[in-house]
Amino acid sequence: MKTQPTYSTEFRIDTANLVIKQGYTIREACDATGVGPTAIRRWVTQIRQEFEGITPSANAITPEQKRIQELEAQIKKIEWEKDILKKTTSRGSAGTRTIAGQLNQLGENVGRYKAASLMRDAGLISNQPRKHRYKIANDESKIALNLLKRQFNVDVINHVWCGDVTYVWSGTKWLYLAVVMDLYARKVVGWACSDSPNTDLTCAALRMAFESRGRPQNLMFHSDQGCHYSSLQYRQMLWKYQITQSMSRRGNCWDNTVMERFFRSFKTEWMPKYGYNNFDEAKQDALNYILKHYNTKSGHSYNDYMTTSIAEMAA
């Protein structure tokens, strides 16, 4: 059985250029190279398109279009990593800045506008939410002052933590998720889930963070004025751990904007479009977001698009 001949990329380009640049006819190119007319016509057509900036659906021949296909493959890989559980609906909603930043971390010199072009060509759509206008208030808590004062850039690990609680519909009841984040690299260091937004929930998240981080000293914890943070039970736990409490001004979400952004990303970039079937599924998916995506796979703009775990190790 006669095997199909294979040709190097350089040979295909040189052969096609006999027609494109040197004016050979297809028959003359066949006689000169020993290649059949069907193959040469295909190479000529593809290389002409690639010279015009058209990326082929098949493997590219020219170096420029090969490079574009490699970048598109990198982008799809980043989006695939967002879809850990392979839901039928896409979770991918990284914006152009995130895509460009993560490609640069992978050694690719890609700007924001090139990333936008590549995303468009790859059929990827960003679902970044619109900015929301909040009513500003300035009422300090009577329990703890706003000691953080929006100083979110922290240069020491385990120096400032912040926390918040969000809720998602699990198909049968609400799931409440409490999170504790270390502001140094924006790493989530404690979390807990419950079907009740009580103080036991926020205490469980704080306990996990405090124990897993080696019982750090000289620590500040910042949150909003929610009852699960202002309760006597929670304040006693902070006192036991010798943690200084800081609270946002009432109604001023920008005082805890890092946590607001974390939960917004969770809900817009990760949660499946049609929600969950039950409580256990929602809980597992929330933990997967923290452990298998946010802390370990997702590049963060604050860390020059390194993951939070790598940024801490690089400290």
C-alpha atoms as a PDB file:
ATOM      1  CA  MET A   1       0.000   0.000   0.000  1.00  0.00           C
ATOM      2  CA  LYS A   2       1.414   3.356  -1.053  1.00  0.00           C
ATOM      3  CA  THR A   3       1.974   5.752   1.863  1.00  0.00           C
ATOM      4  CA  GLN A   4       1.005   9.407   1.658  1.00  0.00           C
ATOM      5  CA  PRO A   5       4.152  11.595   1.390  1.00  0.00           C
ATOM      6  CA  THR A   6       4.769  14.186   4.108  1.00  0.00           C
ATOM      7  CA  TYR A   7       6.374  17.574   3.560  1.00  0.00           C
ATOM      8  CA  SER A   8       8.001  19.996   5.974  1.00  0.00           C
ATOM      9  CA  THR A   9       6.535  23.445   6.587  1.00  0.00           C
ATOM     10  CA  GLU A  10       9.529  25.070   4.893  1.00  0.00           C
ATOM     11  CA  PHE A  11       9.082  22.935   1.765  1.00  0.00           C
ATOM     12  CA  ARG A  12       5.371  23.756   1.526  1.00  0.00           C
ATOM     13  CA  ILE A  13       6.062  27.494   1.852  1.00  0.00           C
ATOM     14  CA  ASP A  14       8.856  27.376  -0.739  1.00  0.00           C
ATOM     15  CA  THR A  15       6.702  25.393  -3.155  1.00  0.00           C
ATOM     16  CA  ALA A  16       3.713  27.728  -2.786  1.00  0.00           C
ATOM     17  CA  ASN A  17       5.982  30.760  -3.244  1.00  0.00           C
ATOM     18  CA  LEU A  18       6.990  29.461  -6.678  1.00  0.00           C
ATOM     19  CA  VAL A  19       3.424  30.294  -7.691  1.00  0.00           C
ATOM     20  CA  ILE A  20       2.731  33.262  -5.387  1.00  0.00           C
ATOM     21  CA  LYS A  21       6.010  35.183  -5.675  1.00  0.00           C
ATOM     22  CA  GLN A  22       7.827  33.807  -8.721  1.00  0.00           C
ATOM     23  CA  GLY A  23       4.957  33.516 -11.164  1.00  0.00           C
ATOM     24  CA  TYR A  24       5.095  29.776 -11.808  1.00  0.00           C
ATOM     25  CA  THR A  25       1.970  28.048 -13.020  1.00  0.00           C
ATOM     26  CA  ILE A  26       0.644  25.141 -10.992  1.00  0.00           C
ATOM     27  CA  ARG A  27       1.915  22.714 -13.641  1.00  0.00           C
ATOM     28  CA  GLU A  28       5.383  24.318 -13.652  1.00  0.00           C
ATOM     29  CA  ALA A  29       5.517  24.105  -9.844  1.00  0.00           C
ATOM     30  CA  CYS A  30       4.528  20.433 -10.051  1.00  0.00           C
ATOM     31  CA  ASP A  31       7.306  19.722 -12.530  1.00  0.00           C
ATOM     32  CA  ALA A  32       9.849  21.578 -10.413  1.00  0.00           C
ATOM     33  CA  THR A  33       9.023  19.904  -7.101  1.00  0.00           C
ATOM     34  CA  GLY A  34       7.416  16.579  -7.969  1.00  0.00           C
ATOM     35  CA  VAL A  35       4.335  17.416  -5.906  1.00  0.00           C
ATOM     36  CA  GLY A  36       0.833  16.831  -7.247  1.00  0.00           C
ATOM     37  CA  PRO A  37      -1.345  19.767  -8.377  1.00  0.00           C
ATOM     38  CA  THR A  38      -4.037  19.225  -5.711  1.00  0.00           C
ATOM     39  CA  ALA A  39      -1.565  19.650  -2.860  1.00  0.00           C
ATOM     40  CA  ILE A  40       0.081  22.697  -4.430  1.00  0.00           C
ATOM     41  CA  ARG A  41      -3.278  24.402  -5.048  1.00  0.00           C
ATOM     42  CA  ARG A  42      -4.219  23.771  -1.410  1.00  0.00           C
ATOM     43  CA  TRP A  43      -0.908  25.186  -0.141  1.00  0.00           C
ATOM     44  CA  VAL A  44      -1.117  28.233  -2.394  1.00  0.00           C
ATOM     45  CA  THR A  45      -4.691  29.008  -1.324  1.00  0.00           C
ATOM     46  CA  GLN A  46      -3.920  28.610   2.380  1.00  0.00           C
ATOM     47  CA  ILE A  47      -0.678  30.600   2.343  1.00  0.00           C
ATOM     48  CA  ARG A  48      -2.293  33.429   0.393  1.00  0.00           C
ATOM     49  CA  GLN A  49      -5.024  33.604   3.039  1.00  0.00           C
ATOM     50  CA  GLU A  50      -2.494  33.498   5.853  1.00  0.00           C
ATOM     51  CA  PHE A  51      -0.498  36.331   4.244  1.00  0.00           C
ATOM     52  CA  GLU A  52      -3.763  38.314   4.283  1.00  0.00           C
ATOM     53  CA  GLY A  53      -4.116  37.710   8.041  1.00  0.00           C
ATOM     54  CA  ILE A  54      -6.761  34.969   7.864  1.00  0.00           C
ATOM     55  CA  THR A  55      -6.169  32.246  10.448  1.00  0.00           C
ATOM     56  CA  PRO A  56      -7.023  28.843   8.954  1.00  0.00           C
ATOM     57  CA  SER A  57      -9.195  26.255  10.657  1.00  0.00           C
ATOM     58  CA  ALA A  58      -6.551  23.627   9.858  1.00  0.00           C
ATOM     59  CA  ASN A  59      -2.958  23.774  11.092  1.00  0.00           C
ATOM     60  CA  ALA A  60      -1.314  27.012   9.996  1.00  0.00           C
ATOM     61  CA  ILE A  61       1.699  27.015   7.704  1.00  0.00           C
ATOM     62  CA  THR A  62       3.238  30.461   8.143  1.00  0.00           C
ATOM     63  CA  PRO A  63       5.020  31.281  11.435  1.00  0.00           C
ATOM     64  CA  GLU A  64       2.765  34.282  12.130  1.00  0.00           C
ATOM     65  CA  GLN A  65      -0.461  32.282  11.892  1.00  0.00           C
ATOM     66  CA  LYS A  66       1.056  29.386  13.827  1.00  0.00           C
ATOM     67  CA  ARG A  67       1.790  31.847  16.624  1.00  0.00           C
ATOM     68  CA  ILE A  68      -1.797  33.110  16.625  1.00  0.00           C
ATOM     69  CA  GLN A  69      -3.143  29.536  16.801  1.00  0.00           C
ATOM     70  CA  GLU A  70      -0.838  28.831  19.764  1.00  0.00           C
ATOM     71  CA  LEU A  71      -2.105  31.939  21.585  1.00  0.00           C
ATOM     72  CA  GLU A  72      -5.726  30.979  20.885  1.00  0.00           C
ATOM     73  CA  ALA A  73      -5.004  27.527  22.324  1.00  0.00           C
ATOM     74  CA  GLN A  74      -3.536  29.132  25.474  1.00  0.00           C
ATOM     75  CA  ILE A  75      -6.658  31.276  25.896  1.00  0.00           C
ATOM     76  CA  LYS A  76      -8.950  28.262  25.549  1.00  0.00           C
ATOM     77  CA  LYS A  77      -6.809  26.416  28.106  1.00  0.00           C
ATOM     78  CA  ILE A  78      -7.267  29.256  30.603  1.00  0.00           C
ATOM     79  CA  GLU A  79     -11.028  29.198  30.042  1.00  0.00           C
ATOM     80  CA  TRP A  80     -11.086  25.402  30.295  1.00  0.00           C
ATOM     81  CA  GLU A  81      -9.400  25.596  33.704  1.00  0.00           C
ATOM     82  CA  LYS A  82     -12.246  27.836  34.856  1.00  0.00           C
ATOM     83  CA  ASP A  83     -14.660  25.032  34.028  1.00  0.00           C
ATOM     84  CA  ILE A  84     -13.355  22.502  36.564  1.00  0.00           C
ATOM     85  CA  LEU A  85     -16.523  20.464  36.735  1.00  0.00           C
ATOM     86  CA  LYS A  86     -17.143  20.674  32.991  1.00  0.00           C
ATOM     87  CA  LYS A  87     -20.680  22.021  33.306  1.00  0.00           C
ATOM     88  CA  THR A  88     -22.678  22.120  30.118  1.00  0.00           C
ATOM     89  CA  THR A  89     -22.896  25.906  30.445  1.00  0.00           C
ATOM     90  CA  SER A  90     -19.638  27.841  30.145  1.00  0.00           C
ATOM     91  CA  ARG A  91     -18.269  29.560  33.216  1.00  0.00           C
ATOM     92  CA  GLY A  92     -15.599  31.421  31.227  1.00  0.00           C
ATOM     93  CA  SER A  93     -15.855  35.152  31.802  1.00  0.00           C
ATOM     94  CA  ALA A  94     -12.297  36.360  32.219  1.00  0.00           C
ATOM     95  CA  GLY A  95     -11.914  39.858  30.774  1.00  0.00           C
ATOM     96  CA  THR A  96      -9.228  41.024  28.377  1.00  0.00           C
ATOM     97  CA  ARG A  97      -6.952  42.269  31.160  1.00  0.00           C
ATOM     98  CA  THR A  98      -7.107  38.907  32.944  1.00  0.00           C
ATOM     99  CA  ILE A  99      -6.505  36.953  29.755  1.00  0.00           C
ATOM    100  CA  ALA A 100      -3.554  39.180  28.779  1.00  0.00           C
ATOM    101  CA  GLY A 101      -2.112  39.011  32.297  1.00  0.00           C
ATOM    102  CA  GLN A 102      -2.310  35.242  32.521  1.00  0.00           C
ATOM    103  CA  LEU A 103      -0.783  34.819  29.052  1.00  0.00           C
ATOM    104  CA  ASN A 104       2.104  37.050  30.094  1.00  0.00           C
ATOM    105  CA  GLN A 105       2.608  34.867  33.184  1.00  0.00           C
ATOM    106  CA  LEU A 106       2.901  31.946  30.744  1.00  0.00           C
ATOM    107  CA  GLY A 107       5.657  33.793  28.881  1.00  0.00           C
ATOM    108  CA  GLU A 108       3.487  35.205  26.092  1.00  0.00           C
ATOM    109  CA  ASN A 109       3.932  38.905  25.242  1.00  0.00           C
ATOM    110  CA  VAL A 110       0.275  39.797  24.679  1.00  0.00           C
ATOM    111  CA  GLY A 111      -1.414  43.132  25.327  1.00  0.00           C
ATOM    112  CA  ARG A 112      -5.018  43.764  26.283  1.00  0.00           C
ATOM    113  CA  TYR A 113      -6.175  44.652  22.768  1.00  0.00           C
ATOM    114  CA  LYS A 114      -4.464  41.639  21.211  1.00  0.00           C
ATOM    115  CA  ALA A 115      -6.139  39.469  23.863  1.00  0.00           C
ATOM    116  CA  ALA A 116      -9.501  40.996  22.907  1.00  0.00           C
ATOM    117  CA  SER A 117      -8.874  40.155  19.252  1.00  0.00           C
ATOM    118  CA  LEU A 118      -7.823  36.601  20.074  1.00  0.00           C
ATOM    119  CA  MET A 119     -10.855  36.086  22.338  1.00  0.00           C
ATOM    120  CA  ARG A 120     -13.142  37.318  19.584  1.00  0.00           C
ATOM    121  CA  ASP A 121     -11.552  34.989  17.034  1.00  0.00           C
ATOM    122  CA  ALA A 122     -11.802  32.064  19.480  1.00  0.00           C
ATOM    123  CA  GLY A 123     -15.499  32.769  20.112  1.00  0.00           C
ATOM    124  CA  LEU A 124     -14.993  33.606  23.819  1.00  0.00           C
ATOM    125  CA  ILE A 125     -17.277  36.186  25.443  1.00  0.00           C
ATOM    126  CA  SER A 126     -16.570  38.007  28.707  1.00  0.00           C
ATOM    127  CA  ASN A 127     -19.500  38.342  31.102  1.00  0.00           C
ATOM    128  CA  GLN A 128     -18.042  41.019  33.352  1.00  0.00           C
ATOM    129  CA  PRO A 129     -20.841  42.678  35.346  1.00  0.00           C
ATOM    130  CA  ARG A 130     -21.571  46.368  35.016  1.00  0.00           C
ATOM    131  CA  LYS A 131     -20.456  48.732  37.725  1.00  0.00           C
ATOM    132  CA  HIS A 132     -23.073  49.349  40.391  1.00  0.00           C
ATOM    133  CA  ARG A 133     -23.657  52.663  42.089  1.00  0.00           C
ATOM    134  CA  TYR A 134     -23.894  52.419  45.842  1.00  0.00           C
ATOM    135  CA  LYS A 135     -25.321  54.892  48.285  1.00  0.00           C
ATOM    136  CA  ILE A 136     -22.487  56.165  50.462  1.00  0.00           C
ATOM    137  CA  ALA A 137     -22.863  56.349  54.249  1.00  0.00           C
ATOM    138  CA  ASN A 138     -20.380  57.275  56.956  1.00  0.00           C
ATOM    139  CA  ASP A 139     -21.796  55.808  60.175  1.00  0.00           C
ATOM    140  CA  GLU A 140     -18.980  54.228  62.203  1.00  0.00           C
ATOM    141  CA  SER A 141     -19.768  51.097  64.175  1.00  0.00           C
ATOM    142  CA  LYS A 142     -20.234  51.528  67.899  1.00  0.00           C
ATOM    143  CA  ILE A 143     -18.439  48.189  68.375  1.00  0.00           C
ATOM    144  CA  ALA A 144     -15.290  48.716  66.293  1.00  0.00           C
ATOM    145  CA  LEU A 145     -13.919  51.638  64.310  1.00  0.00           C
ATOM    146  CA  ASN A 146     -12.947  51.438  60.658  1.00  0.00           C
ATOM    147  CA  LEU A 147      -9.250  50.916  61.371  1.00  0.00           C
ATOM    148  CA  LEU A 148      -8.494  49.530  57.912  1.00  0.00           C
ATOM    149  CA  LYS A 149      -9.646  52.727  56.146  1.00  0.00           C
ATOM    150  CA  ARG A 150      -9.440  51.071  52.727  1.00  0.00           C
ATOM    151  CA  GLN A 151      -5.715  50.385  53.066  1.00  0.00           C
ATOM    152  CA  PHE A 152      -6.027  47.145  51.130  1.00  0.00           C
ATOM    153  CA  ASN A 153      -2.399  46.953  49.984  1.00  0.00           C
ATOM    154  CA  VAL A 154      -0.695  44.978  52.735  1.00  0.00           C
ATOM    155  CA  ASP A 155       2.995  44.010  52.587  1.00  0.00           C
ATOM    156  CA  VAL A 156       3.056  41.362  55.346  1.00  0.00           C
ATOM    157  CA  ILE A 157       1.394  37.939  55.370  1.00  0.00           C
ATOM    158  CA  ASN A 158      -1.079  37.359  58.234  1.00  0.00           C
ATOM    159  CA  HIS A 159      -1.214  41.047  59.111  1.00  0.00           C
ATOM    160  CA  VAL A 160      -4.708  41.992  57.865  1.00  0.00           C
ATOM    161  CA  TRP A 161      -7.579  39.618  57.158  1.00  0.00           C
ATOM    162  CA  CYS A 162     -11.047  40.523  55.968  1.00  0.00           C
ATOM    163  CA  GLY A 163     -14.249  38.523  55.866  1.00  0.00           C
ATOM    164  CA  ASP A 164     -17.773  38.503  54.539  1.00  0.00           C
ATOM    165  CA  VAL A 165     -20.808  36.270  53.987  1.00  0.00           C
ATOM    166  CA  THR A 166     -22.790  35.658  50.826  1.00  0.00           C
ATOM    167  CA  TYR A 167     -25.693  33.377  49.927  1.00  0.00           C
ATOM    168  CA  VAL A 168     -26.731  31.335  46.888  1.00  0.00           C
ATOM    169  CA  TRP A 169     -29.868  29.376  46.109  1.00  0.00           C
ATOM    170  CA  SER A 170     -29.088  25.648  46.231  1.00  0.00           C
ATOM    171  CA  GLY A 171     -32.289  24.413  44.599  1.00  0.00           C
ATOM    172  CA  THR A 172     -34.062  23.593  47.860  1.00  0.00           C
ATOM    173  CA  LYS A 173     -32.794  26.194  50.337  1.00  0.00           C
ATOM    174  CA  TRP A 174     -30.254  28.966  50.733  1.00  0.00           C
ATOM    175  CA  LEU A 175     -26.571  28.159  51.181  1.00  0.00           C
ATOM    176  CA  TYR A 176     -24.559  30.700  53.155  1.00  0.00           C
ATOM    177  CA  LEU A 177     -20.804  30.944  52.531  1.00  0.00           C
ATOM    178  CA  ALA A 178     -18.459  32.722  54.956  1.00  0.00           C
ATOM    179  CA  VAL A 179     -14.934  33.514  53.782  1.00  0.00           C
ATOM    180  CA  VAL A 180     -11.774  34.884  55.416  1.00  0.00           C
ATOM    181  CA  MET A 181      -9.124  36.401  53.132  1.00  0.00           C
ATOM    182  CA  ASP A 182      -5.530  37.439  53.795  1.00  0.00           C
ATOM    183  CA  LEU A 183      -5.080  40.808  52.105  1.00  0.00           C
ATOM    184  CA  TYR A 184      -1.363  40.264  51.441  1.00  0.00           C
ATOM    185  CA  ALA A 185      -1.942  38.168  48.286  1.00  0.00           C
ATOM    186  CA  ARG A 186      -5.777  38.020  48.390  1.00  0.00           C
ATOM    187  CA  LYS A 187      -5.644  34.327  49.365  1.00  0.00           C
ATOM    188  CA  VAL A 188      -8.710  32.723  50.945  1.00  0.00           C
ATOM    189  CA  VAL A 189      -7.483  31.217  54.207  1.00  0.00           C
ATOM    190  CA  GLY A 190     -10.756  30.232  55.876  1.00  0.00           C
ATOM    191  CA  TRP A 191     -14.263  29.295  54.795  1.00  0.00           C
ATOM    192  CA  ALA A 192     -17.437  27.647  56.039  1.00  0.00           C
ATOM    193  CA  CYS A 193     -20.866  26.769  54.616  1.00  0.00           C
ATOM    194  CA  SER A 194     -24.216  26.527  56.371  1.00  0.00           C
ATOM    195  CA  ASP A 195     -27.943  26.760  55.783  1.00  0.00           C
ATOM    196  CA  SER A 196     -28.109  29.536  58.409  1.00  0.00           C
ATOM    197  CA  PRO A 197     -26.284  32.915  58.369  1.00  0.00           C
ATOM    198  CA  ASN A 198     -25.580  32.876  62.095  1.00  0.00           C
ATOM    199  CA  THR A 199     -22.449  33.536  64.129  1.00  0.00           C
ATOM    200  CA  ASP A 200     -21.540  29.838  64.198  1.00  0.00           C
ATOM    201  CA  LEU A 201     -20.886  30.145  60.471  1.00  0.00           C
ATOM    202  CA  THR A 202     -18.506  33.115  60.687  1.00  0.00           C
ATOM    203  CA  CYS A 203     -16.794  31.648  63.756  1.00  0.00           C
ATOM    204  CA  ALA A 204     -16.141  28.398  61.868  1.00  0.00           C
ATOM    205  CA  ALA A 205     -14.489  30.300  58.997  1.00  0.00           C
ATOM    206  CA  LEU A 206     -12.343  32.324  61.401  1.00  0.00           C
ATOM    207  CA  ARG A 207     -11.360  29.214  63.356  1.00  0.00           C
ATOM    208  CA  MET A 208     -10.214  27.469  60.186  1.00  0.00           C
ATOM    209  CA  ALA A 209      -8.151  30.496  59.146  1.00  0.00           C
ATOM    210  CA  PHE A 210      -6.549  30.965  62.561  1.00  0.00           C
ATOM    211  CA  GLU A 211      -5.616  27.298  62.979  1.00  0.00           C
ATOM    212  CA  SER A 212      -4.457  26.696  59.388  1.00  0.00           C
ATOM    213  CA  ARG A 213      -2.252  29.804  59.406  1.00  0.00           C
ATOM    214  CA  GLY A 214      -0.391  28.820  62.563  1.00  0.00           C
ATOM    215  CA  ARG A 215      -2.200  31.068  65.088  1.00  0.00           C
ATOM    216  CA  PRO A 216      -0.658  34.362  63.889  1.00  0.00           C
ATOM    217  CA  GLN A 217      -0.121  37.344  66.203  1.00  0.00           C
ATOM    218  CA  ASN A 218      -0.552  41.108  65.670  1.00  0.00           C
ATOM    219  CA  LEU A 219      -3.476  40.501  63.353  1.00  0.00           C
ATOM    220  CA  MET A 220      -6.391  42.733  62.323  1.00  0.00           C
ATOM    221  CA  PHE A 221      -9.726  41.389  61.073  1.00  0.00           C
ATOM    222  CA  HIS A 222     -11.994  43.645  59.005  1.00  0.00           C
ATOM    223  CA  SER A 223     -15.650  43.068  58.089  1.00  0.00           C
ATOM    224  CA  ASP A 224     -18.938  44.857  57.619  1.00  0.00           C
ATOM    225  CA  GLN A 225     -21.323  45.545  60.506  1.00  0.00           C
ATOM    226  CA  GLY A 226     -23.386  42.382  60.003  1.00  0.00           C
ATOM    227  CA  CYS A 227     -24.828  40.811  63.142  1.00  0.00           C
ATOM    228  CA  HIS A 228     -22.696  37.682  62.670  1.00  0.00           C
ATOM    229  CA  TYR A 229     -19.594  39.880  63.102  1.00  0.00           C
ATOM    230  CA  SER A 230     -20.918  42.251  65.763  1.00  0.00           C
ATOM    231  CA  SER A 231     -22.349  39.522  68.007  1.00  0.00           C
ATOM    232  CA  LEU A 232     -20.876  38.888  71.449  1.00  0.00           C
ATOM    233  CA  GLN A 233     -19.939  35.348  70.411  1.00  0.00           C
ATOM    234  CA  TYR A 234     -17.811  36.558  67.510  1.00  0.00           C
ATOM    235  CA  ARG A 235     -16.183  39.360  69.478  1.00  0.00           C
ATOM    236  CA  GLN A 236     -15.267  36.898  72.210  1.00  0.00           C
ATOM    237  CA  MET A 237     -13.559  34.664  69.640  1.00  0.00           C
ATOM    238  CA  LEU A 238     -11.551  37.646  68.339  1.00  0.00           C
ATOM    239  CA  TRP A 239     -10.599  38.497  71.920  1.00  0.00           C
ATOM    240  CA  LYS A 240      -9.555  34.886  72.568  1.00  0.00           C
ATOM    241  CA  TYR A 241      -7.324  34.926  69.472  1.00  0.00           C
ATOM    242  CA  GLN A 242      -6.058  38.441  70.345  1.00  0.00           C
ATOM    243  CA  ILE A 243      -7.205  39.771  66.967  1.00  0.00           C
ATOM    244  CA  THR A 244      -7.986  43.489  66.582  1.00  0.00           C
ATOM    245  CA  GLN A 245     -11.430  44.116  65.101  1.00  0.00           C
ATOM    246  CA  SER A 246     -12.137  46.665  62.369  1.00  0.00           C
ATOM    247  CA  MET A 247     -15.541  47.362  60.801  1.00  0.00           C
ATOM    248  CA  SER A 248     -16.749  49.141  57.683  1.00  0.00           C
ATOM    249  CA  ARG A 249     -18.931  52.195  58.006  1.00  0.00           C
ATOM    250  CA  ARG A 250     -22.595  51.268  57.763  1.00  0.00           C
ATOM    251  CA  GLY A 251     -23.876  51.054  54.215  1.00  0.00           C
ATOM    252  CA  ASN A 252     -20.430  51.663  52.725  1.00  0.00           C
ATOM    253  CA  CYS A 253     -19.506  48.547  50.748  1.00  0.00           C
ATOM    254  CA  TRP A 254     -16.319  50.152  49.404  1.00  0.00           C
ATOM    255  CA  ASP A 255     -14.802  49.798  52.881  1.00  0.00           C
ATOM    256  CA  ASN A 256     -14.699  46.035  52.235  1.00  0.00           C
ATOM    257  CA  THR A 257     -14.471  46.076  48.444  1.00  0.00           C
ATOM    258  CA  VAL A 258     -11.963  43.210  48.212  1.00  0.00           C
ATOM    259  CA  MET A 259     -14.523  40.782  49.606  1.00  0.00           C
ATOM    260  CA  GLU A 260     -17.269  42.293  47.453  1.00  0.00           C
ATOM    261  CA  ARG A 261     -15.167  41.608  44.355  1.00  0.00           C
ATOM    262  CA  PHE A 262     -14.396  38.056  45.439  1.00  0.00           C
ATOM    263  CA  PHE A 263     -18.057  37.139  45.794  1.00  0.00           C
ATOM    264  CA  ARG A 264     -18.957  38.969  42.582  1.00  0.00           C
ATOM    265  CA  SER A 265     -16.381  36.896  40.680  1.00  0.00           C
ATOM    266  CA  PHE A 266     -17.703  33.715  42.281  1.00  0.00           C
ATOM    267  CA  LYS A 267     -21.262  34.451  41.202  1.00  0.00           C
ATOM    268  CA  THR A 268     -20.588  35.837  37.714  1.00  0.00           C
ATOM    269  CA  GLU A 269     -17.584  33.751  36.621  1.00  0.00           C
ATOM    270  CA  TRP A 270     -18.107  30.428  38.343  1.00  0.00           C
ATOM    271  CA  MET A 271     -21.671  29.616  39.352  1.00  0.00           C
ATOM    272  CA  PRO A 272     -23.568  27.665  36.667  1.00  0.00           C
ATOM    273  CA  LYS A 273     -26.123  29.740  34.780  1.00  0.00           C
ATOM    274  CA  TYR A 274     -29.079  27.617  35.869  1.00  0.00           C
ATOM    275  CA  GLY A 275     -28.025  27.182  39.491  1.00  0.00           C
ATOM    276  CA  TYR A 276     -27.738  24.026  41.567  1.00  0.00           C
ATOM    277  CA  ASN A 277     -29.892  20.973  42.153  1.00  0.00           C
ATOM    278  CA  ASN A 278     -29.310  20.577  45.884  1.00  0.00           C
ATOM    279  CA  PHE A 279     -27.421  21.883  48.898  1.00  0.00           C
ATOM    280  CA  ASP A 280     -24.529  19.387  48.714  1.00  0.00           C
ATOM    281  CA  GLU A 281     -23.879  20.208  45.062  1.00  0.00           C
ATOM    282  CA  ALA A 282     -23.793  23.937  45.803  1.00  0.00           C
ATOM    283  CA  LYS A 283     -21.474  23.438  48.780  1.00  0.00           C
ATOM    284  CA  GLN A 284     -19.044  21.279  46.797  1.00  0.00           C
ATOM    285  CA  ASP A 285     -19.000  23.770  43.946  1.00  0.00           C
ATOM    286  CA  ALA A 286     -18.261  26.662  46.301  1.00  0.00           C
ATOM    287  CA  LEU A 287     -15.324  24.752  47.793  1.00  0.00           C
ATOM    288  CA  ASN A 288     -14.097  23.811  44.320  1.00  0.00           C
ATOM    289  CA  TYR A 289     -14.067  27.494  43.392  1.00  0.00           C
ATOM    290  CA  ILE A 290     -11.886  28.345  46.392  1.00  0.00           C
ATOM    291  CA  LEU A 291      -9.562  25.338  46.448  1.00  0.00           C
ATOM    292  CA  LYS A 292      -9.308  24.232  42.828  1.00  0.00           C
ATOM    293  CA  HIS A 293      -9.655  27.559  41.061  1.00  0.00           C
ATOM    294  CA  TYR A 294      -9.332  30.828  42.963  1.00  0.00           C
ATOM    295  CA  ASN A 295      -6.355  29.972  45.204  1.00  0.00           C
ATOM    296  CA  THR A 296      -4.524  27.690  42.794  1.00  0.00           C
ATOM    297  CA  LYS A 297      -5.477  28.369  39.163  1.00  0.00           C
ATOM    298  CA  SER A 298      -6.794  31.917  38.764  1.00  0.00           C
ATOM    299  CA  GLY A 299      -4.259  34.693  38.135  1.00  0.00           C
ATOM    300  CA  HIS A 300      -4.986  37.844  40.180  1.00  0.00           C
ATOM    301  CA  SER A 301      -4.294  41.338  38.816  1.00  0.00           C
ATOM    302  CA  TYR A 302      -3.117  42.435  42.285  1.00  0.00           C
ATOM    303  CA  ASN A 303      -0.398  39.748  42.128  1.00  0.00           C
ATOM    304  CA  ASP A 304       0.693  40.599  38.561  1.00  0.00           C
ATOM    305  CA  TYR A 305      -1.541  37.687  37.523  1.00  0.00           C
ATOM    306  CA  MET A 306       0.186  35.107  39.682  1.00  0.00           C
ATOM    307  CA  THR A 307      -2.159  32.885  41.666  1.00  0.00           C
ATOM    308  CA  THR A 308      -2.603  33.766  45.325  1.00  0.00           C
ATOM    309  CA  SER A 309      -0.727  30.638  46.442  1.00  0.00           C
ATOM    310  CA  ILE A 310       2.280  31.345  44.192  1.00  0.00           C
ATOM    311  CA  ALA A 311       2.325  34.998  45.260  1.00  0.00           C
ATOM    312  CA  GLU A 312       2.559  33.964  48.901  1.00  0.00           C
ATOM    313  CA  MET A 313       5.336  31.468  48.170  1.00  0.00           C
ATOM    314  CA  ALA A 314       7.242  34.205  46.328  1.00  0.00           C
ATOM    315  CA  ALA A 315       7.065  36.519  49.364  1.00  0.00           C
END
